[in-house]
Amino acid sequence: MALLAVFLVIAVLGVVANVAMCLAVEKLYPGPFILPMFFAVSVGVFLIGWRIALRITEPAANPTPAVDRQRMVALLATVAQAPIVL
């Protein structure tokens, strides 16, 4: 849920910045230049915004991963039986 909220905030800020930028450029270059620029920047806002939101909300890496006992026993049992199967 936090990922979606962060992405929504980034997307809204990006779209507002995109509109402001396109309005400023429109005063200098009126015509058909603005529409492709708006769409290209909009796609970029969503792609880059998603990656930023993923990076912001990713959990902190655990420096010492805990291996639970049941998986370790299963792994050791499989390794012990491997020579029998082969």
PDB file of N, CA and C in Angstrom:
ATOM      1  N   MET A   1       0.824  -1.184   0.000  1.00  0.00           N
ATOM      2  CA  MET A   1       0.000   0.000   0.000  1.00  0.00           C
ATOM      3  C   MET A   1       0.872   1.253   0.000  1.00  0.00           C
ATOM      4  N   ALA A   2       1.989   1.172   0.719  1.00  0.00           N
ATOM      5  CA  ALA A   2       2.890   2.324   0.762  1.00  0.00           C
ATOM      6  C   ALA A   2       3.494   2.588  -0.615  1.00  0.00           C
ATOM      7  N   LEU A   3       3.778   1.516  -1.348  1.00  0.00           N
ATOM      8  CA  LEU A   3       4.334   1.671  -2.695  1.00  0.00           C
ATOM      9  C   LEU A   3       3.386   2.453  -3.587  1.00  0.00           C
ATOM     10  N   LEU A   4       2.112   2.104  -3.545  1.00  0.00           N
ATOM     11  CA  LEU A   4       1.119   2.794  -4.363  1.00  0.00           C
ATOM     12  C   LEU A   4       0.985   4.254  -3.953  1.00  0.00           C
ATOM     13  N   ALA A   5       1.001   4.534  -2.662  1.00  0.00           N
ATOM     14  CA  ALA A   5       0.880   5.909  -2.176  1.00  0.00           C
ATOM     15  C   ALA A   5       2.083   6.746  -2.610  1.00  0.00           C
ATOM     16  N   VAL A   6       3.282   6.180  -2.499  1.00  0.00           N
ATOM     17  CA  VAL A   6       4.481   6.910  -2.904  1.00  0.00           C
ATOM     18  C   VAL A   6       4.465   7.153  -4.409  1.00  0.00           C
ATOM     19  N   PHE A   7       4.070   6.143  -5.166  1.00  0.00           N
ATOM     20  CA  PHE A   7       3.999   6.309  -6.616  1.00  0.00           C
ATOM     21  C   PHE A   7       2.976   7.370  -7.000  1.00  0.00           C
ATOM     22  N   LEU A   8       1.848   7.397  -6.328  1.00  0.00           N
ATOM     23  CA  LEU A   8       0.809   8.385  -6.625  1.00  0.00           C
ATOM     24  C   LEU A   8       1.313   9.797  -6.364  1.00  0.00           C
ATOM     25  N   VAL A   9       2.018   9.991  -5.269  1.00  0.00           N
ATOM     26  CA  VAL A   9       2.560  11.321  -4.969  1.00  0.00           C
ATOM     27  C   VAL A   9       3.595  11.729  -6.021  1.00  0.00           C
ATOM     28  N   ILE A  10       4.477  10.818  -6.369  1.00  0.00           N
ATOM     29  CA  ILE A  10       5.495  11.118  -7.383  1.00  0.00           C
ATOM     30  C   ILE A  10       4.854  11.399  -8.730  1.00  0.00           C
ATOM     31  N   ALA A  11       3.842  10.609  -9.103  1.00  0.00           N
ATOM     32  CA  ALA A  11       3.184  10.792 -10.392  1.00  0.00           C
ATOM     33  C   ALA A  11       2.460  12.135 -10.456  1.00  0.00           C
ATOM     34  N   VAL A  12       1.768  12.504  -9.393  1.00  0.00           N
ATOM     35  CA  VAL A  12       1.054  13.787  -9.385  1.00  0.00           C
ATOM     36  C   VAL A  12       2.040  14.947  -9.485  1.00  0.00           C
ATOM     37  N   LEU A  13       3.120  14.895  -8.720  1.00  0.00           N
ATOM     38  CA  LEU A  13       4.132  15.949  -8.799  1.00  0.00           C
ATOM     39  C   LEU A  13       4.775  16.002 -10.185  1.00  0.00           C
ATOM     40  N   GLY A  14       5.026  14.837 -10.772  1.00  0.00           N
ATOM     41  CA  GLY A  14       5.611  14.801 -12.107  1.00  0.00           C
ATOM     42  C   GLY A  14       4.684  15.353 -13.179  1.00  0.00           C
ATOM     43  N   VAL A  15       3.405  15.031 -13.077  1.00  0.00           N
ATOM     44  CA  VAL A  15       2.444  15.534 -14.063  1.00  0.00           C
ATOM     45  C   VAL A  15       2.281  17.043 -13.928  1.00  0.00           C
ATOM     46  N   VAL A  16       2.251  17.540 -12.702  1.00  0.00           N
ATOM     47  CA  VAL A  16       2.158  18.990 -12.497  1.00  0.00           C
ATOM     48  C   VAL A  16       3.389  19.682 -13.078  1.00  0.00           C
ATOM     49  N   ALA A  17       4.567  19.129 -12.841  1.00  0.00           N
ATOM     50  CA  ALA A  17       5.789  19.700 -13.412  1.00  0.00           C
ATOM     51  C   ALA A  17       5.775  19.617 -14.935  1.00  0.00           C
ATOM     52  N   ASN A  18       5.248  18.531 -15.476  1.00  0.00           N
ATOM     53  CA  ASN A  18       5.163  18.357 -16.923  1.00  0.00           C
ATOM     54  C   ASN A  18       4.249  19.411 -17.542  1.00  0.00           C
ATOM     55  N   VAL A  19       3.108  19.638 -16.942  1.00  0.00           N
ATOM     56  CA  VAL A  19       2.172  20.634 -17.465  1.00  0.00           C
ATOM     57  C   VAL A  19       2.796  22.027 -17.392  1.00  0.00           C
ATOM     58  N   ALA A  20       3.431  22.345 -16.268  1.00  0.00           N
ATOM     59  CA  ALA A  20       4.063  23.659 -16.137  1.00  0.00           C
ATOM     60  C   ALA A  20       5.167  23.843 -17.166  1.00  0.00           C
ATOM     61  N   MET A  21       5.963  22.810 -17.386  1.00  0.00           N
ATOM     62  CA  MET A  21       7.035  22.888 -18.364  1.00  0.00           C
ATOM     63  C   MET A  21       6.477  23.070 -19.777  1.00  0.00           C
ATOM     64  N   CYS A  22       5.435  22.335 -20.103  1.00  0.00           N
ATOM     65  CA  CYS A  22       4.852  22.446 -21.445  1.00  0.00           C
ATOM     66  C   CYS A  22       4.202  23.813 -21.668  1.00  0.00           C
ATOM     67  N   LEU A  23       3.587  24.361 -20.635  1.00  0.00           N
ATOM     68  CA  LEU A  23       3.009  25.707 -20.769  1.00  0.00           C
ATOM     69  C   LEU A  23       4.096  26.758 -20.968  1.00  0.00           C
ATOM     70  N   ALA A  24       5.227  26.594 -20.304  1.00  0.00           N
ATOM     71  CA  ALA A  24       6.327  27.542 -20.474  1.00  0.00           C
ATOM     72  C   ALA A  24       6.944  27.422 -21.862  1.00  0.00           C
ATOM     73  N   VAL A  25       7.099  26.191 -22.349  1.00  0.00           N
ATOM     74  CA  VAL A  25       7.688  25.996 -23.674  1.00  0.00           C
ATOM     75  C   VAL A  25       6.728  26.440 -24.773  1.00  0.00           C
ATOM     76  N   GLU A  26       5.434  26.343 -24.503  1.00  0.00           N
ATOM     77  CA  GLU A  26       4.436  26.723 -25.506  1.00  0.00           C
ATOM     78  C   GLU A  26       4.512  28.203 -25.849  1.00  0.00           C
ATOM     79  N   LYS A  27       4.939  29.011 -24.892  1.00  0.00           N
ATOM     80  CA  LYS A  27       5.066  30.448 -25.166  1.00  0.00           C
ATOM     81  C   LYS A  27       6.226  30.717 -26.118  1.00  0.00           C
ATOM     82  N   LEU A  28       7.247  29.866 -26.083  1.00  0.00           N
ATOM     83  CA  LEU A  28       8.398  30.047 -26.966  1.00  0.00           C
ATOM     84  C   LEU A  28       8.211  29.371 -28.317  1.00  0.00           C
ATOM     85  N   TYR A  29       7.662  28.157 -28.302  1.00  0.00           N
ATOM     86  CA  TYR A  29       7.496  27.374 -29.528  1.00  0.00           C
ATOM     87  C   TYR A  29       6.047  26.937 -29.677  1.00  0.00           C
ATOM     88  N   PRO A  30       5.171  27.809 -30.129  1.00  0.00           N
ATOM     89  CA  PRO A  30       3.777  27.373 -30.316  1.00  0.00           C
ATOM     90  C   PRO A  30       3.669  26.425 -31.511  1.00  0.00           C
ATOM     91  N   GLY A  31       2.694  25.556 -31.434  1.00  0.00           N
ATOM     92  CA  GLY A  31       2.481  24.666 -32.560  1.00  0.00           C
ATOM     93  C   GLY A  31       2.510  23.204 -32.168  1.00  0.00           C
ATOM     94  N   PRO A  32       2.802  22.354 -33.129  1.00  0.00           N
ATOM     95  CA  PRO A  32       2.705  20.901 -32.909  1.00  0.00           C
ATOM     96  C   PRO A  32       3.876  20.305 -32.123  1.00  0.00           C
ATOM     97  N   PHE A  33       4.796  21.117 -31.649  1.00  0.00           N
ATOM     98  CA  PHE A  33       5.945  20.611 -30.904  1.00  0.00           C
ATOM     99  C   PHE A  33       5.568  20.204 -29.484  1.00  0.00           C
ATOM    100  N   ILE A  34       4.550  20.820 -28.922  1.00  0.00           N
ATOM    101  CA  ILE A  34       4.218  20.643 -27.513  1.00  0.00           C
ATOM    102  C   ILE A  34       3.578  19.285 -27.234  1.00  0.00           C
ATOM    103  N   LEU A  35       2.673  18.844 -28.072  1.00  0.00           N
ATOM    104  CA  LEU A  35       1.944  17.601 -27.807  1.00  0.00           C
ATOM    105  C   LEU A  35       2.851  16.373 -27.735  1.00  0.00           C
ATOM    106  N   PRO A  36       3.751  16.140 -28.680  1.00  0.00           N
ATOM    107  CA  PRO A  36       4.660  14.987 -28.538  1.00  0.00           C
ATOM    108  C   PRO A  36       5.574  15.105 -27.319  1.00  0.00           C
ATOM    109  N   MET A  37       5.991  16.323 -27.015  1.00  0.00           N
ATOM    110  CA  MET A  37       6.825  16.520 -25.839  1.00  0.00           C
ATOM    111  C   MET A  37       6.049  16.171 -24.570  1.00  0.00           C
ATOM    112  N   PHE A  38       4.799  16.595 -24.508  1.00  0.00           N
ATOM    113  CA  PHE A  38       3.977  16.308 -23.331  1.00  0.00           C
ATOM    114  C   PHE A  38       3.807  14.805 -23.138  1.00  0.00           C
ATOM    115  N   PHE A  39       3.511  14.080 -24.211  1.00  0.00           N
ATOM    116  CA  PHE A  39       3.316  12.634 -24.101  1.00  0.00           C
ATOM    117  C   PHE A  39       4.615  11.905 -23.751  1.00  0.00           C
ATOM    118  N   ALA A  40       5.714  12.322 -24.339  1.00  0.00           N
ATOM    119  CA  ALA A  40       6.996  11.681 -24.045  1.00  0.00           C
ATOM    120  C   ALA A  40       7.397  11.894 -22.587  1.00  0.00           C
ATOM    121  N   VAL A  41       7.234  13.100 -22.101  1.00  0.00           N
ATOM    122  CA  VAL A  41       7.588  13.375 -20.710  1.00  0.00           C
ATOM    123  C   VAL A  41       6.615  12.672 -19.763  1.00  0.00           C
ATOM    124  N   SER A  42       5.346  12.557 -20.152  1.00  0.00           N
ATOM    125  CA  SER A  42       4.377  11.853 -19.303  1.00  0.00           C
ATOM    126  C   SER A  42       4.748  10.380 -19.137  1.00  0.00           C
ATOM    127  N   VAL A  43       5.132   9.738 -20.213  1.00  0.00           N
ATOM    128  CA  VAL A  43       5.560   8.335 -20.128  1.00  0.00           C
ATOM    129  C   VAL A  43       6.805   8.221 -19.255  1.00  0.00           C
ATOM    130  N   GLY A  44       7.729   9.156 -19.433  1.00  0.00           N
ATOM    131  CA  GLY A  44       8.932   9.164 -18.609  1.00  0.00           C
ATOM    132  C   GLY A  44       8.632   9.366 -17.135  1.00  0.00           C
ATOM    133  N   VAL A  45       7.653  10.225 -16.840  1.00  0.00           N
ATOM    134  CA  VAL A  45       7.269  10.468 -15.451  1.00  0.00           C
ATOM    135  C   VAL A  45       6.761   9.176 -14.821  1.00  0.00           C
ATOM    136  N   PHE A  46       5.933   8.435 -15.526  1.00  0.00           N
ATOM    137  CA  PHE A  46       5.388   7.204 -14.950  1.00  0.00           C
ATOM    138  C   PHE A  46       6.445   6.107 -14.827  1.00  0.00           C
ATOM    139  N   LEU A  47       7.294   5.962 -15.819  1.00  0.00           N
ATOM    140  CA  LEU A  47       8.334   4.928 -15.742  1.00  0.00           C
ATOM    141  C   LEU A  47       9.361   5.233 -14.655  1.00  0.00           C
ATOM    142  N   ILE A  48       9.869   6.439 -14.671  1.00  0.00           N
ATOM    143  CA  ILE A  48      10.877   6.810 -13.682  1.00  0.00           C
ATOM    144  C   ILE A  48      10.257   6.924 -12.293  1.00  0.00           C
ATOM    145  N   GLY A  49       9.015   7.417 -12.234  1.00  0.00           N
ATOM    146  CA  GLY A  49       8.329   7.513 -10.944  1.00  0.00           C
ATOM    147  C   GLY A  49       8.117   6.155 -10.307  1.00  0.00           C
ATOM    148  N   TRP A  50       7.808   5.144 -11.111  1.00  0.00           N
ATOM    149  CA  TRP A  50       7.625   3.788 -10.573  1.00  0.00           C
ATOM    150  C   TRP A  50       8.944   3.253 -10.015  1.00  0.00           C
ATOM    151  N   ARG A  51      10.014   3.468 -10.741  1.00  0.00           N
ATOM    152  CA  ARG A  51      11.320   2.983 -10.265  1.00  0.00           C
ATOM    153  C   ARG A  51      11.753   3.708  -8.996  1.00  0.00           C
ATOM    154  N   ILE A  52      11.489   5.002  -8.925  1.00  0.00           N
ATOM    155  CA  ILE A  52      11.819   5.758  -7.713  1.00  0.00           C
ATOM    156  C   ILE A  52      10.980   5.270  -6.546  1.00  0.00           C
ATOM    157  N   ALA A  53       9.686   5.034  -6.785  1.00  0.00           N
ATOM    158  CA  ALA A  53       8.812   4.540  -5.715  1.00  0.00           C
ATOM    159  C   ALA A  53       9.262   3.164  -5.234  1.00  0.00           C
ATOM    160  N   LEU A  54       9.689   2.311  -6.142  1.00  0.00           N
ATOM    161  CA  LEU A  54      10.213   1.005  -5.745  1.00  0.00           C
ATOM    162  C   LEU A  54      11.458   1.155  -4.875  1.00  0.00           C
ATOM    163  N   ARG A  55      12.331   2.052  -5.266  1.00  0.00           N
ATOM    164  CA  ARG A  55      13.564   2.243  -4.513  1.00  0.00           C
ATOM    165  C   ARG A  55      13.286   2.840  -3.132  1.00  0.00           C
ATOM    166  N   ILE A  56      12.330   3.750  -3.044  1.00  0.00           N
ATOM    167  CA  ILE A  56      12.011   4.379  -1.762  1.00  0.00           C
ATOM    168  C   ILE A  56      11.393   3.374  -0.801  1.00  0.00           C
ATOM    169  N   THR A  57      10.523   2.510  -1.297  1.00  0.00           N
ATOM    170  CA  THR A  57       9.772   1.616  -0.411  1.00  0.00           C
ATOM    171  C   THR A  57      10.398   0.238  -0.244  1.00  0.00           C
ATOM    172  N   GLU A  58      11.551  -0.028  -0.859  1.00  0.00           N
ATOM    173  CA  GLU A  58      12.147  -1.363  -0.697  1.00  0.00           C
ATOM    174  C   GLU A  58      12.607  -1.541   0.744  1.00  0.00           C
ATOM    175  N   PRO A  59      12.402  -2.733   1.269  1.00  0.00           N
ATOM    176  CA  PRO A  59      12.808  -2.965   2.655  1.00  0.00           C
ATOM    177  C   PRO A  59      14.330  -2.947   2.796  1.00  0.00           C
ATOM    178  N   ALA A  60      14.764  -2.600   3.979  1.00  0.00           N
ATOM    179  CA  ALA A  60      16.201  -2.568   4.245  1.00  0.00           C
ATOM    180  C   ALA A  60      16.755  -3.984   4.195  1.00  0.00           C
ATOM    181  N   ALA A  61      17.938  -4.109   3.654  1.00  0.00           N
ATOM    182  CA  ALA A  61      18.565  -5.429   3.535  1.00  0.00           C
ATOM    183  C   ALA A  61      18.985  -5.920   4.913  1.00  0.00           C
ATOM    184  N   ASN A  62      18.717  -7.176   5.171  1.00  0.00           N
ATOM    185  CA  ASN A  62      19.098  -7.789   6.435  1.00  0.00           C
ATOM    186  C   ASN A  62      20.549  -8.257   6.300  1.00  0.00           C
ATOM    187  N   PRO A  63      21.475  -7.731   7.108  1.00  0.00           N
ATOM    188  CA  PRO A  63      22.877  -8.099   6.928  1.00  0.00           C
ATOM    189  C   PRO A  63      23.162  -9.568   7.218  1.00  0.00           C
ATOM    190  N   THR A  64      22.406 -10.193   8.117  1.00  0.00           N
ATOM    191  CA  THR A  64      22.596 -11.607   8.422  1.00  0.00           C
ATOM    192  C   THR A  64      21.269 -12.323   8.205  1.00  0.00           C
ATOM    193  N   PRO A  65      21.045 -12.875   7.032  1.00  0.00           N
ATOM    194  CA  PRO A  65      19.771 -13.545   6.790  1.00  0.00           C
ATOM    195  C   PRO A  65      19.621 -14.777   7.676  1.00  0.00           C
ATOM    196  N   ALA A  66      18.466 -14.902   8.261  1.00  0.00           N
ATOM    197  CA  ALA A  66      18.208 -16.036   9.153  1.00  0.00           C
ATOM    198  C   ALA A  66      17.671 -17.197   8.332  1.00  0.00           C
ATOM    199  N   VAL A  67      18.350 -18.321   8.414  1.00  0.00           N
ATOM    200  CA  VAL A  67      17.895 -19.535   7.739  1.00  0.00           C
ATOM    201  C   VAL A  67      17.138 -20.344   8.777  1.00  0.00           C
ATOM    202  N   ASP A  68      15.873 -20.591   8.490  1.00  0.00           N
ATOM    203  CA  ASP A  68      15.105 -21.315   9.500  1.00  0.00           C
ATOM    204  C   ASP A  68      15.524 -22.787   9.540  1.00  0.00           C
ATOM    205  N   ARG A  69      15.300 -23.380  10.667  1.00  0.00           N
ATOM    206  CA  ARG A  69      15.806 -24.715  10.958  1.00  0.00           C
ATOM    207  C   ARG A  69      15.221 -25.781  10.034  1.00  0.00           C
ATOM    208  N   GLN A  70      13.939 -25.678   9.719  1.00  0.00           N
ATOM    209  CA  GLN A  70      13.280 -26.705   8.908  1.00  0.00           C
ATOM    210  C   GLN A  70      13.869 -26.755   7.494  1.00  0.00           C
ATOM    211  N   ARG A  71      14.125 -25.606   6.896  1.00  0.00           N
ATOM    212  CA  ARG A  71      14.700 -25.594   5.550  1.00  0.00           C
ATOM    213  C   ARG A  71      16.132 -26.137   5.561  1.00  0.00           C
ATOM    214  N   MET A  72      16.874 -25.814   6.602  1.00  0.00           N
ATOM    215  CA  MET A  72      18.242 -26.313   6.686  1.00  0.00           C
ATOM    216  C   MET A  72      18.265 -27.833   6.811  1.00  0.00           C
ATOM    217  N   VAL A  73      17.355 -28.406   7.608  1.00  0.00           N
ATOM    218  CA  VAL A  73      17.283 -29.857   7.758  1.00  0.00           C
ATOM    219  C   VAL A  73      16.899 -30.501   6.430  1.00  0.00           C
ATOM    220  N   ALA A  74      15.945 -29.901   5.709  1.00  0.00           N
ATOM    221  CA  ALA A  74      15.539 -30.444   4.416  1.00  0.00           C
ATOM    222  C   ALA A  74      16.693 -30.393   3.413  1.00  0.00           C
ATOM    223  N   LEU A  75      17.438 -29.313   3.417  1.00  0.00           N
ATOM    224  CA  LEU A  75      18.577 -29.191   2.515  1.00  0.00           C
ATOM    225  C   LEU A  75      19.646 -30.223   2.838  1.00  0.00           C
ATOM    226  N   LEU A  76      19.960 -30.385   4.103  1.00  0.00           N
ATOM    227  CA  LEU A  76      20.975 -31.366   4.487  1.00  0.00           C
ATOM    228  C   LEU A  76      20.533 -32.794   4.183  1.00  0.00           C
ATOM    229  N   ALA A  77      19.231 -33.077   4.356  1.00  0.00           N
ATOM    230  CA  ALA A  77      18.726 -34.417   4.041  1.00  0.00           C
ATOM    231  C   ALA A  77      18.811 -34.680   2.540  1.00  0.00           C
ATOM    232  N   THR A  78      18.534 -33.690   1.739  1.00  0.00           N
ATOM    233  CA  THR A  78      18.625 -33.846   0.287  1.00  0.00           C
ATOM    234  C   THR A  78      20.068 -34.066  -0.133  1.00  0.00           C
ATOM    235  N   VAL A  79      20.974 -33.310   0.440  1.00  0.00           N
ATOM    236  CA  VAL A  79      22.389 -33.454   0.096  1.00  0.00           C
ATOM    237  C   VAL A  79      22.909 -34.825   0.532  1.00  0.00           C
ATOM    238  N   ALA A  80      22.447 -35.293   1.685  1.00  0.00           N
ATOM    239  CA  ALA A  80      22.898 -36.602   2.179  1.00  0.00           C
ATOM    240  C   ALA A  80      22.399 -37.726   1.304  1.00  0.00           C
ATOM    241  N   GLN A  81      21.223 -37.574   0.678  1.00  0.00           N
ATOM    242  CA  GLN A  81      20.647 -38.631  -0.154  1.00  0.00           C
ATOM    243  C   GLN A  81      21.081 -38.539  -1.605  1.00  0.00           C
ATOM    244  N   ALA A  82      21.730 -37.499  -2.000  1.00  0.00           N
ATOM    245  CA  ALA A  82      22.132 -37.325  -3.396  1.00  0.00           C
ATOM    246  C   ALA A  82      23.032 -38.431  -3.891  1.00  0.00           C
ATOM    247  N   PRO A  83      24.026 -38.895  -3.134  1.00  0.00           N
ATOM    248  CA  PRO A  83      24.878 -39.983  -3.653  1.00  0.00           C
ATOM    249  C   PRO A  83      24.101 -41.288  -3.833  1.00  0.00           C
ATOM    250  N   ILE A  84      23.059 -41.507  -3.072  1.00  0.00           N
ATOM    251  CA  ILE A  84      22.266 -42.723  -3.199  1.00  0.00           C
ATOM    252  C   ILE A  84      21.482 -42.704  -4.518  1.00  0.00           C
ATOM    253  N   VAL A  85      20.948 -41.537  -4.875  1.00  0.00           N
ATOM    254  CA  VAL A  85      20.134 -41.407  -6.084  1.00  0.00           C
ATOM    255  C   VAL A  85      21.003 -41.523  -7.318  1.00  0.00           C
ATOM    256  N   LEU A  86      22.160 -40.957  -7.281  1.00  0.00           N
ATOM    257  CA  LEU A  86      23.037 -40.978  -8.462  1.00  0.00           C
ATOM    258  C   LEU A  86      23.666 -42.330  -8.584  1.00  0.00           C
TER     259      LEU A  86
END
